[in-house]
Every structure is written in C-alpha cells, then in structure tokens.
Amino acid sequence: MASLVAEKMDTLGWTQASVAMCDHGTPARAVNEVREVIAKQLQELLVEKQCSVTACSMERREGAEYDFNDPLLGSLLGAEGYEEKVIVSMLFAGPGRHAGAQGDVAEICQAAKLKTPQLEAEMTGLVGSKVEELVAILADRYRELHVVS
C-alpha cells in the first residue's frame, strides 16, 4: 500500500517536502494502526527524497478515546514548526464529499493556505484510482489472514 501512495506522490515531482498522509479518521483503533504502519513504510520509501511523513486524519470523533486519530490535517497544515511545502497524500479509496476535488480535504487545504500564505500544499491523487493494484493488495492480505490455498 505504501508503494501505491508513493507512486501518487511521484506524479507531483516534489522532494524535500513534508508529507501529510491523510485518511478520513476512524473510531476503530485497529484501522488507525494500519494507517500508522503504512506511514512508517512510506517514510522508509521516501528517505532518499528527504521527505518526512506524518500520518493524520481529516476528522475525528470527540473524546479522549479517539485521540489516536490526531493530528488532524487542519491543525497540521500551517502549524508552527511544520514545513511550508507539504504533500497531502490522500489515503482514500475514491472521490466523494471528503476526498473529491471540491471535498472536505481540499477545503481544509484552502483554509490553511489562507491562514498561512507561504504554505505550499498539494494533494495527491487517490490510492483507489489504481484499482487493479489496490484489489491485488487486498486479495493478498485476505489470503494471508485466511490462509487460502
């Protein structure tokens, strides 16, 4: 999965940037743990490009029991000490009200740019646009979990 995310980033041609690998946010800690594993794998893939990866969520439920979703993309972009050149890596399967061109993530990026004019933030394409590769990964994971022969 990290390779698919990296491929989407390659189309932007950026190096020496911060990467905000953004998912929707989840009430399930296990889903968040998968995001964190992908972020670590992505960091390893990007070492030569001198990019630092931070996993973040678009939104989260209220309450301390959901703190594992932090940081939120909106608080990360333009934050003091965070890079001004940011790739928003979209860990979303398909477009919609959150991940579409006019979706919530795009609005969060626009609001951050208004607040911090020097911020350069560009969103990648969605990992779900690589349908064949994504299906192959999911099928492999299913076989690993269910030991299908």
N, C-alpha and C. Protein backbone atom coordinates (compact mmCIF):
# COMPACT_ATOMS: atom_id res chain seq x y z
N MET A 1 0.83 -1.18 0.00
CA MET A 1 0.00 0.00 0.00
C MET A 1 0.88 1.26 0.00
N ALA A 2 1.95 1.23 0.76
CA ALA A 2 2.85 2.39 0.81
C ALA A 2 3.42 2.68 -0.57
N SER A 3 3.67 1.65 -1.36
CA SER A 3 4.18 1.85 -2.72
C SER A 3 3.17 2.58 -3.59
N LEU A 4 1.90 2.24 -3.44
CA LEU A 4 0.85 2.95 -4.19
C LEU A 4 0.80 4.42 -3.79
N VAL A 5 0.91 4.67 -2.50
CA VAL A 5 0.91 6.05 -2.00
C VAL A 5 2.11 6.81 -2.57
N ALA A 6 3.28 6.17 -2.57
CA ALA A 6 4.49 6.80 -3.10
C ALA A 6 4.36 7.09 -4.59
N GLU A 7 3.75 6.17 -5.33
CA GLU A 7 3.54 6.40 -6.77
C GLU A 7 2.70 7.64 -7.01
N LYS A 8 1.66 7.82 -6.21
CA LYS A 8 0.81 9.00 -6.34
C LYS A 8 1.61 10.27 -6.06
N MET A 9 2.52 10.20 -5.12
CA MET A 9 3.35 11.35 -4.79
C MET A 9 4.34 11.66 -5.90
N ASP A 10 4.86 10.62 -6.54
CA ASP A 10 5.84 10.81 -7.61
C ASP A 10 5.29 11.66 -8.75
N THR A 11 3.99 11.59 -8.99
CA THR A 11 3.41 12.38 -10.07
C THR A 11 3.53 13.87 -9.81
N LEU A 12 3.70 14.26 -8.55
CA LEU A 12 3.86 15.68 -8.22
C LEU A 12 5.29 16.16 -8.44
N GLY A 13 6.25 15.23 -8.36
CA GLY A 13 7.65 15.58 -8.60
C GLY A 13 8.32 16.35 -7.47
N TRP A 14 7.76 16.34 -6.30
CA TRP A 14 8.32 17.10 -5.17
C TRP A 14 9.35 16.27 -4.43
N THR A 15 10.37 16.94 -3.92
CA THR A 15 11.33 16.36 -2.98
C THR A 15 11.49 17.34 -1.83
N GLN A 16 12.11 16.90 -0.78
CA GLN A 16 12.36 17.74 0.40
C GLN A 16 11.09 18.44 0.87
N ALA A 17 10.05 17.67 1.04
CA ALA A 17 8.78 18.21 1.50
C ALA A 17 8.30 17.41 2.69
N SER A 18 7.38 17.98 3.41
CA SER A 18 6.68 17.21 4.43
C SER A 18 5.52 16.50 3.74
N VAL A 19 5.22 15.32 4.24
CA VAL A 19 4.11 14.55 3.70
C VAL A 19 3.09 14.36 4.80
N ALA A 20 1.89 14.87 4.57
CA ALA A 20 0.78 14.66 5.49
C ALA A 20 -0.06 13.54 4.87
N MET A 21 0.17 12.31 5.32
CA MET A 21 -0.59 11.18 4.79
C MET A 21 -1.93 11.15 5.49
N CYS A 22 -2.97 11.54 4.77
CA CYS A 22 -4.28 11.81 5.36
C CYS A 22 -5.30 10.72 5.05
N ASP A 23 -5.94 10.24 6.10
CA ASP A 23 -7.09 9.36 5.93
C ASP A 23 -8.31 10.06 6.51
N HIS A 24 -9.44 9.39 6.49
CA HIS A 24 -10.67 10.00 6.98
C HIS A 24 -10.65 10.22 8.48
N GLY A 25 -10.12 9.27 9.22
CA GLY A 25 -10.24 9.23 10.67
C GLY A 25 -11.20 8.10 10.98
N THR A 26 -11.05 7.47 12.12
CA THR A 26 -11.80 6.26 12.41
C THR A 26 -12.10 6.12 13.90
N PRO A 27 -13.20 5.48 14.23
CA PRO A 27 -13.44 5.16 15.63
C PRO A 27 -12.75 3.86 16.05
N ALA A 28 -12.15 3.15 15.09
CA ALA A 28 -11.53 1.85 15.36
C ALA A 28 -10.01 1.97 15.43
N ARG A 29 -9.47 1.67 16.59
CA ARG A 29 -8.03 1.76 16.78
C ARG A 29 -7.27 0.86 15.79
N ALA A 30 -7.80 -0.31 15.47
CA ALA A 30 -7.13 -1.24 14.55
C ALA A 30 -6.96 -0.63 13.17
N VAL A 31 -7.95 0.13 12.72
CA VAL A 31 -7.85 0.80 11.41
C VAL A 31 -6.74 1.85 11.47
N ASN A 32 -6.69 2.58 12.57
CA ASN A 32 -5.64 3.59 12.75
C ASN A 32 -4.26 2.95 12.77
N GLU A 33 -4.14 1.79 13.38
CA GLU A 33 -2.85 1.09 13.43
C GLU A 33 -2.37 0.72 12.03
N VAL A 34 -3.28 0.37 11.15
CA VAL A 34 -2.91 0.09 9.75
C VAL A 34 -2.37 1.35 9.10
N ARG A 35 -3.03 2.48 9.33
CA ARG A 35 -2.55 3.77 8.79
C ARG A 35 -1.14 4.05 9.27
N GLU A 36 -0.87 3.80 10.54
CA GLU A 36 0.45 4.07 11.10
C GLU A 36 1.52 3.17 10.47
N VAL A 37 1.18 1.92 10.22
CA VAL A 37 2.13 1.01 9.56
C VAL A 37 2.43 1.51 8.15
N ILE A 38 1.40 1.92 7.42
CA ILE A 38 1.60 2.44 6.06
C ILE A 38 2.48 3.68 6.10
N ALA A 39 2.26 4.55 7.07
CA ALA A 39 3.08 5.77 7.19
C ALA A 39 4.55 5.44 7.43
N LYS A 40 4.82 4.45 8.28
CA LYS A 40 6.21 4.05 8.53
C LYS A 40 6.84 3.47 7.29
N GLN A 41 6.10 2.65 6.56
CA GLN A 41 6.61 2.07 5.32
C GLN A 41 6.87 3.17 4.29
N LEU A 42 5.97 4.14 4.21
CA LEU A 42 6.14 5.25 3.28
C LEU A 42 7.38 6.06 3.64
N GLN A 43 7.60 6.31 4.93
CA GLN A 43 8.78 7.04 5.36
C GLN A 43 10.05 6.35 4.89
N GLU A 44 10.09 5.03 4.98
CA GLU A 44 11.25 4.27 4.51
C GLU A 44 11.44 4.41 3.01
N LEU A 45 10.35 4.44 2.26
CA LEU A 45 10.43 4.58 0.81
C LEU A 45 10.91 5.97 0.39
N LEU A 46 10.70 6.97 1.25
CA LEU A 46 10.99 8.36 0.87
C LEU A 46 12.28 8.91 1.46
N VAL A 47 13.07 8.07 2.08
CA VAL A 47 14.30 8.54 2.73
C VAL A 47 15.17 9.32 1.75
N GLU A 48 15.37 8.80 0.56
CA GLU A 48 16.26 9.47 -0.41
C GLU A 48 15.70 10.79 -0.91
N LYS A 49 14.38 10.96 -0.86
CA LYS A 49 13.77 12.21 -1.32
C LYS A 49 13.72 13.25 -0.21
N GLN A 50 14.23 12.90 0.96
CA GLN A 50 14.28 13.79 2.11
C GLN A 50 12.90 14.35 2.46
N CYS A 51 11.93 13.46 2.47
CA CYS A 51 10.58 13.81 2.86
C CYS A 51 10.29 13.21 4.23
N SER A 52 9.62 13.96 5.07
CA SER A 52 9.20 13.43 6.36
C SER A 52 7.70 13.17 6.31
N VAL A 53 7.27 12.05 6.85
CA VAL A 53 5.87 11.63 6.77
C VAL A 53 5.21 11.75 8.14
N THR A 54 4.04 12.37 8.15
CA THR A 54 3.20 12.42 9.34
C THR A 54 1.83 11.88 8.95
N ALA A 55 1.38 10.84 9.62
CA ALA A 55 0.03 10.34 9.41
C ALA A 55 -0.94 11.27 10.12
N CYS A 56 -2.05 11.59 9.45
CA CYS A 56 -3.05 12.48 10.05
C CYS A 56 -4.44 12.09 9.57
N SER A 57 -5.42 12.66 10.22
CA SER A 57 -6.82 12.40 9.88
C SER A 57 -7.49 13.68 9.41
N MET A 58 -8.48 13.50 8.55
CA MET A 58 -9.28 14.62 8.10
C MET A 58 -10.18 15.10 9.23
N GLU A 59 -10.76 14.14 9.97
CA GLU A 59 -11.64 14.46 11.10
C GLU A 59 -11.59 13.32 12.10
N ARG A 60 -12.19 13.56 13.25
CA ARG A 60 -12.23 12.54 14.29
C ARG A 60 -13.43 12.78 15.19
N ARG A 61 -13.81 11.74 15.89
CA ARG A 61 -14.87 11.89 16.87
C ARG A 61 -14.33 12.60 18.10
N GLU A 62 -15.24 13.25 18.81
CA GLU A 62 -14.87 13.93 20.06
C GLU A 62 -14.58 12.90 21.13
N GLY A 63 -13.72 13.27 22.06
CA GLY A 63 -13.44 12.43 23.21
C GLY A 63 -12.02 11.90 23.20
N ALA A 64 -11.47 11.79 24.39
CA ALA A 64 -10.08 11.34 24.54
C ALA A 64 -9.86 9.94 23.99
N GLU A 65 -10.91 9.11 23.97
CA GLU A 65 -10.75 7.74 23.48
C GLU A 65 -10.47 7.70 21.98
N TYR A 66 -10.61 8.85 21.28
CA TYR A 66 -10.32 8.91 19.85
C TYR A 66 -9.08 9.75 19.53
N ASP A 67 -8.30 10.06 20.55
CA ASP A 67 -7.08 10.85 20.35
C ASP A 67 -6.09 10.18 19.40
N PHE A 68 -6.20 8.87 19.24
CA PHE A 68 -5.27 8.16 18.36
C PHE A 68 -5.38 8.63 16.90
N ASN A 69 -6.43 9.35 16.54
CA ASN A 69 -6.59 9.89 15.19
C ASN A 69 -5.74 11.15 14.96
N ASP A 70 -5.27 11.76 16.01
CA ASP A 70 -4.51 13.00 15.90
C ASP A 70 -3.14 12.75 15.28
N PRO A 71 -2.57 13.74 14.63
CA PRO A 71 -3.08 15.09 14.47
C PRO A 71 -4.12 15.15 13.34
N LEU A 72 -4.93 16.20 13.40
CA LEU A 72 -5.86 16.47 12.32
C LEU A 72 -5.14 17.26 11.24
N LEU A 73 -5.49 17.03 9.99
CA LEU A 73 -4.86 17.74 8.88
C LEU A 73 -4.95 19.24 9.06
N GLY A 74 -6.12 19.73 9.49
CA GLY A 74 -6.31 21.17 9.65
C GLY A 74 -5.40 21.81 10.68
N SER A 75 -5.04 21.07 11.72
CA SER A 75 -4.13 21.62 12.73
C SER A 75 -2.67 21.43 12.33
N LEU A 76 -2.41 20.50 11.44
CA LEU A 76 -1.04 20.23 11.00
C LEU A 76 -0.58 21.25 9.96
N LEU A 77 -1.42 21.51 8.97
CA LEU A 77 -1.04 22.45 7.89
C LEU A 77 -0.90 23.86 8.44
N GLY A 78 0.24 24.46 8.19
CA GLY A 78 0.48 25.82 8.65
C GLY A 78 0.87 25.93 10.11
N ALA A 79 0.98 24.80 10.80
CA ALA A 79 1.36 24.85 12.20
C ALA A 79 2.81 25.29 12.33
N GLU A 80 3.09 25.99 13.41
CA GLU A 80 4.46 26.43 13.67
C GLU A 80 5.38 25.22 13.77
N GLY A 81 6.50 25.29 13.07
CA GLY A 81 7.46 24.19 13.09
C GLY A 81 7.20 23.14 12.03
N TYR A 82 6.04 23.20 11.37
CA TYR A 82 5.76 22.24 10.30
C TYR A 82 6.15 22.89 8.99
N GLU A 83 6.64 22.08 8.08
CA GLU A 83 7.13 22.60 6.80
C GLU A 83 6.09 23.43 6.05
N GLU A 84 6.58 24.33 5.23
CA GLU A 84 5.69 25.14 4.40
C GLU A 84 5.41 24.47 3.07
N LYS A 85 6.18 23.45 2.72
CA LYS A 85 5.99 22.71 1.47
C LYS A 85 5.46 21.33 1.86
N VAL A 86 4.16 21.09 1.61
CA VAL A 86 3.51 19.89 2.11
C VAL A 86 2.78 19.15 0.99
N ILE A 87 3.05 17.88 0.91
CA ILE A 87 2.28 16.99 0.05
C ILE A 87 1.20 16.37 0.92
N VAL A 88 -0.05 16.56 0.54
CA VAL A 88 -1.15 15.93 1.25
C VAL A 88 -1.44 14.63 0.49
N SER A 89 -0.96 13.56 1.06
CA SER A 89 -1.07 12.24 0.45
C SER A 89 -2.41 11.63 0.84
N MET A 90 -3.23 11.39 -0.15
CA MET A 90 -4.63 11.02 0.06
C MET A 90 -4.79 9.51 0.20
N LEU A 91 -4.98 9.05 1.41
CA LEU A 91 -5.19 7.63 1.70
C LEU A 91 -6.70 7.36 1.69
N PHE A 92 -7.29 7.62 0.53
CA PHE A 92 -8.72 7.43 0.31
C PHE A 92 -8.90 6.54 -0.91
N ALA A 93 -9.91 5.68 -0.86
CA ALA A 93 -10.16 4.77 -1.97
C ALA A 93 -10.82 5.46 -3.16
N GLY A 94 -11.73 6.37 -2.91
CA GLY A 94 -12.42 7.00 -4.02
C GLY A 94 -12.86 8.41 -3.69
N PRO A 95 -13.24 9.15 -4.73
CA PRO A 95 -13.69 10.53 -4.52
C PRO A 95 -15.06 10.56 -3.87
N GLY A 96 -15.38 11.69 -3.33
CA GLY A 96 -16.68 11.88 -2.69
C GLY A 96 -16.65 13.21 -1.96
N ARG A 97 -17.53 13.35 -1.01
CA ARG A 97 -17.60 14.65 -0.33
C ARG A 97 -16.36 14.97 0.49
N HIS A 98 -15.59 13.96 0.86
CA HIS A 98 -14.37 14.19 1.62
C HIS A 98 -13.15 14.33 0.71
N ALA A 99 -13.00 13.42 -0.22
CA ALA A 99 -11.75 13.32 -0.98
C ALA A 99 -11.85 13.82 -2.41
N GLY A 100 -12.96 14.34 -2.82
CA GLY A 100 -13.09 14.86 -4.18
C GLY A 100 -12.37 16.18 -4.36
N ALA A 101 -12.34 16.63 -5.60
CA ALA A 101 -11.65 17.89 -5.92
C ALA A 101 -12.22 19.06 -5.13
N GLN A 102 -13.49 19.03 -4.83
CA GLN A 102 -14.13 20.09 -4.04
C GLN A 102 -14.50 19.58 -2.65
N GLY A 103 -13.86 18.49 -2.21
CA GLY A 103 -14.21 17.84 -0.96
C GLY A 103 -13.64 18.52 0.28
N ASP A 104 -13.91 17.90 1.40
CA ASP A 104 -13.50 18.45 2.69
C ASP A 104 -11.99 18.62 2.81
N VAL A 105 -11.22 17.65 2.30
CA VAL A 105 -9.76 17.75 2.40
C VAL A 105 -9.27 18.95 1.60
N ALA A 106 -9.81 19.15 0.40
CA ALA A 106 -9.43 20.31 -0.42
C ALA A 106 -9.78 21.61 0.31
N GLU A 107 -10.93 21.63 0.97
CA GLU A 107 -11.33 22.83 1.72
C GLU A 107 -10.40 23.08 2.90
N ILE A 108 -9.97 22.03 3.56
CA ILE A 108 -9.02 22.17 4.68
C ILE A 108 -7.71 22.76 4.16
N CYS A 109 -7.25 22.29 3.01
CA CYS A 109 -6.01 22.81 2.41
C CYS A 109 -6.16 24.28 2.04
N GLN A 110 -7.29 24.64 1.43
CA GLN A 110 -7.53 26.04 1.04
C GLN A 110 -7.57 26.95 2.27
N ALA A 111 -8.23 26.52 3.32
CA ALA A 111 -8.31 27.32 4.55
C ALA A 111 -6.92 27.52 5.16
N ALA A 112 -6.10 26.48 5.11
CA ALA A 112 -4.74 26.58 5.65
C ALA A 112 -3.90 27.55 4.83
N LYS A 113 -4.08 27.54 3.51
CA LYS A 113 -3.35 28.46 2.64
C LYS A 113 -3.75 29.91 2.90
N LEU A 114 -5.02 30.14 3.19
CA LEU A 114 -5.47 31.50 3.51
C LEU A 114 -4.87 31.97 4.83
N LYS A 115 -4.78 31.06 5.79
CA LYS A 115 -4.24 31.38 7.11
C LYS A 115 -2.72 31.55 7.06
N THR A 116 -2.06 30.75 6.21
CA THR A 116 -0.61 30.76 6.09
C THR A 116 -0.25 30.91 4.61
N PRO A 117 -0.17 32.14 4.11
CA PRO A 117 0.01 32.37 2.68
C PRO A 117 1.27 31.73 2.08
N GLN A 118 2.31 31.54 2.87
CA GLN A 118 3.53 30.94 2.34
C GLN A 118 3.42 29.42 2.20
N LEU A 119 2.34 28.84 2.69
CA LEU A 119 2.14 27.40 2.63
C LEU A 119 1.93 26.94 1.18
N GLU A 120 2.73 25.96 0.79
CA GLU A 120 2.51 25.27 -0.48
C GLU A 120 2.03 23.88 -0.12
N ALA A 121 0.79 23.59 -0.44
CA ALA A 121 0.22 22.27 -0.15
C ALA A 121 -0.47 21.77 -1.40
N GLU A 122 -0.12 20.55 -1.78
CA GLU A 122 -0.73 19.95 -2.96
C GLU A 122 -1.18 18.54 -2.62
N MET A 123 -2.39 18.23 -3.04
CA MET A 123 -2.96 16.91 -2.78
C MET A 123 -2.55 15.94 -3.89
N THR A 124 -2.30 14.69 -3.49
CA THR A 124 -2.04 13.64 -4.48
C THR A 124 -3.37 13.10 -4.99
N GLY A 125 -3.28 12.24 -5.98
CA GLY A 125 -4.46 11.50 -6.40
C GLY A 125 -4.80 10.47 -5.33
N LEU A 126 -5.93 9.84 -5.48
CA LEU A 126 -6.40 8.86 -4.51
C LEU A 126 -5.81 7.48 -4.80
N VAL A 127 -5.47 6.73 -3.76
CA VAL A 127 -4.91 5.40 -3.97
C VAL A 127 -5.91 4.48 -4.67
N GLY A 128 -7.17 4.74 -4.52
CA GLY A 128 -8.19 3.92 -5.15
C GLY A 128 -8.25 4.05 -6.66
N SER A 129 -7.57 5.05 -7.21
CA SER A 129 -7.56 5.19 -8.66
C SER A 129 -6.68 4.13 -9.32
N LYS A 130 -5.87 3.46 -8.53
CA LYS A 130 -5.04 2.34 -9.00
C LYS A 130 -5.79 1.05 -8.64
N VAL A 131 -6.94 0.86 -9.26
CA VAL A 131 -7.88 -0.19 -8.87
C VAL A 131 -7.25 -1.58 -8.91
N GLU A 132 -6.60 -1.93 -10.01
CA GLU A 132 -6.05 -3.28 -10.12
C GLU A 132 -5.01 -3.55 -9.04
N GLU A 133 -4.14 -2.59 -8.80
CA GLU A 133 -3.11 -2.76 -7.78
C GLU A 133 -3.72 -2.84 -6.38
N LEU A 134 -4.72 -2.00 -6.12
CA LEU A 134 -5.36 -2.00 -4.82
C LEU A 134 -6.09 -3.32 -4.57
N VAL A 135 -6.80 -3.81 -5.57
CA VAL A 135 -7.50 -5.09 -5.43
C VAL A 135 -6.51 -6.22 -5.19
N ALA A 136 -5.38 -6.19 -5.88
CA ALA A 136 -4.35 -7.23 -5.69
C ALA A 136 -3.81 -7.20 -4.25
N ILE A 137 -3.57 -6.02 -3.72
CA ILE A 137 -3.09 -5.90 -2.35
C ILE A 137 -4.12 -6.45 -1.37
N LEU A 138 -5.36 -6.05 -1.55
CA LEU A 138 -6.42 -6.52 -0.65
C LEU A 138 -6.60 -8.03 -0.75
N ALA A 139 -6.50 -8.57 -1.94
CA ALA A 139 -6.63 -10.03 -2.11
C ALA A 139 -5.47 -10.74 -1.42
N ASP A 140 -4.26 -10.19 -1.54
CA ASP A 140 -3.10 -10.78 -0.86
C ASP A 140 -3.30 -10.77 0.66
N ARG A 141 -3.77 -9.65 1.19
CA ARG A 141 -3.97 -9.56 2.64
C ARG A 141 -5.06 -10.53 3.10
N TYR A 142 -6.10 -10.67 2.29
CA TYR A 142 -7.16 -11.62 2.63
C TYR A 142 -6.60 -13.04 2.69
N ARG A 143 -5.81 -13.39 1.69
CA ARG A 143 -5.22 -14.75 1.66
C ARG A 143 -4.29 -14.95 2.86
N GLU A 144 -3.53 -13.92 3.23
CA GLU A 144 -2.63 -14.05 4.39
C GLU A 144 -3.43 -14.29 5.67
N LEU A 145 -4.53 -13.60 5.82
CA LEU A 145 -5.34 -13.73 7.03
C LEU A 145 -6.15 -15.02 7.08
N HIS A 146 -6.53 -15.51 5.93
CA HIS A 146 -7.41 -16.67 5.88
C HIS A 146 -6.72 -17.92 5.35
N VAL A 147 -5.43 -17.83 5.09
CA VAL A 147 -4.63 -18.94 4.61
C VAL A 147 -5.39 -19.74 3.54
N VAL A 148 -5.75 -19.00 2.49
CA VAL A 148 -6.44 -19.62 1.35
C VAL A 148 -5.41 -20.30 0.47
N SER A 149 -5.67 -21.52 0.09
CA SER A 149 -4.72 -22.22 -0.78
C SER A 149 -5.26 -22.38 -2.17
